[in-house]
């Protein structure tokens, strides 16, 4: 099942904010480091999945959204607004 498969449609609300908050972390956190941190918390995402999330090319589940917020030390609301 593919919903919103058009190339110009964003598949999540949080991708740009994930990239923005990740870039603000000092020392800078890479996409791979974020993926590793998520994997340690039980979320099976790799570097490529993080890249697709940040570009808006991948859906994000509610569980992943909560884990991203925790990994980036922000609220869920911060990620989706």
Protein backbone atom coordinates (compact mmCIF):
# COMPACT_ATOMS: atom_id res chain seq x y z
CA UNK A 1 0.00 0.00 0.00
CA UNK A 2 1.54 3.29 -1.09
CA UNK A 3 -0.18 6.48 -0.02
CA UNK A 4 1.14 9.87 -1.10
CA UNK A 5 3.79 8.33 -3.32
CA UNK A 6 4.23 11.50 -5.41
CA UNK A 7 7.82 12.76 -5.39
CA UNK A 8 6.93 16.27 -4.26
CA UNK A 9 4.80 15.22 -1.27
CA UNK A 10 6.37 15.13 2.21
CA UNK A 11 5.55 11.95 4.07
CA UNK A 12 6.13 13.35 7.56
CA UNK A 13 5.88 16.58 9.53
CA UNK A 14 9.04 16.14 11.58
CA UNK A 15 11.84 15.52 9.07
CA UNK A 16 13.12 19.07 8.69
CA UNK A 17 13.00 19.58 12.45
CA UNK A 18 14.88 16.33 13.07
CA UNK A 19 17.66 17.60 10.80
CA UNK A 20 17.62 21.04 12.45
CA UNK A 21 17.76 19.73 16.02
CA UNK A 22 20.37 17.10 15.12
CA UNK A 23 22.62 19.81 13.63
CA UNK A 24 22.35 21.89 16.82
CA UNK A 25 23.75 19.15 19.05
CA UNK A 26 27.36 19.76 20.06
CA UNK A 27 29.52 18.01 19.20
CA UNK A 28 27.61 17.63 15.95
CA UNK A 29 25.59 14.43 15.72
CA UNK A 30 25.72 12.61 12.39
CA UNK A 31 22.78 10.74 10.89
CA UNK A 32 24.65 7.52 11.68
CA UNK A 33 25.14 8.57 15.33
CA UNK A 34 21.42 9.34 15.62
CA UNK A 35 20.56 5.96 14.09
CA UNK A 36 22.93 4.25 16.54
CA UNK A 37 21.33 6.07 19.48
CA UNK A 38 17.86 5.04 18.28
CA UNK A 39 18.98 1.43 17.86
CA UNK A 40 20.26 1.39 21.46
CA UNK A 41 16.77 2.45 22.56
CA UNK A 42 15.18 -0.40 20.58
CA UNK A 43 14.18 1.47 17.40
CA UNK A 44 15.52 -0.32 14.33
CA UNK A 45 16.48 2.56 12.02
CA UNK A 46 19.68 2.84 10.04
CA UNK A 47 21.48 5.91 8.68
CA UNK A 48 19.57 5.69 5.40
CA UNK A 49 16.22 5.68 7.21
CA UNK A 50 17.24 8.80 9.15
CA UNK A 51 18.23 10.47 5.86
CA UNK A 52 14.85 9.58 4.29
CA UNK A 53 13.02 10.90 7.36
CA UNK A 54 14.91 14.19 7.20
CA UNK A 55 14.13 14.54 3.49
CA UNK A 56 10.45 13.77 4.06
CA UNK A 57 10.59 10.58 2.00
CA UNK A 58 9.69 8.20 4.83
CA UNK A 59 6.70 7.91 7.12
CA UNK A 60 7.44 8.14 10.86
CA UNK A 61 5.48 6.03 13.32
CA UNK A 62 4.37 7.40 16.67
CA UNK A 63 6.87 5.14 18.46
CA UNK A 64 9.69 6.41 16.22
CA UNK A 65 8.58 10.00 16.78
CA UNK A 66 8.75 9.55 20.56
CA UNK A 67 12.19 7.94 20.30
CA UNK A 68 13.46 10.72 18.02
CA UNK A 69 12.27 13.35 20.48
CA UNK A 70 14.01 11.57 23.35
CA UNK A 71 17.23 11.04 21.37
CA UNK A 72 17.33 14.72 20.37
CA UNK A 73 16.26 15.90 23.86
CA UNK A 74 13.24 17.82 22.55
CA UNK A 75 9.48 17.36 22.82
CA UNK A 76 7.31 15.64 20.27
CA UNK A 77 5.57 18.97 19.75
CA UNK A 78 8.95 20.56 18.90
CA UNK A 79 9.42 17.97 16.16
CA UNK A 80 6.03 18.32 14.51
CA UNK A 81 5.49 22.08 14.57
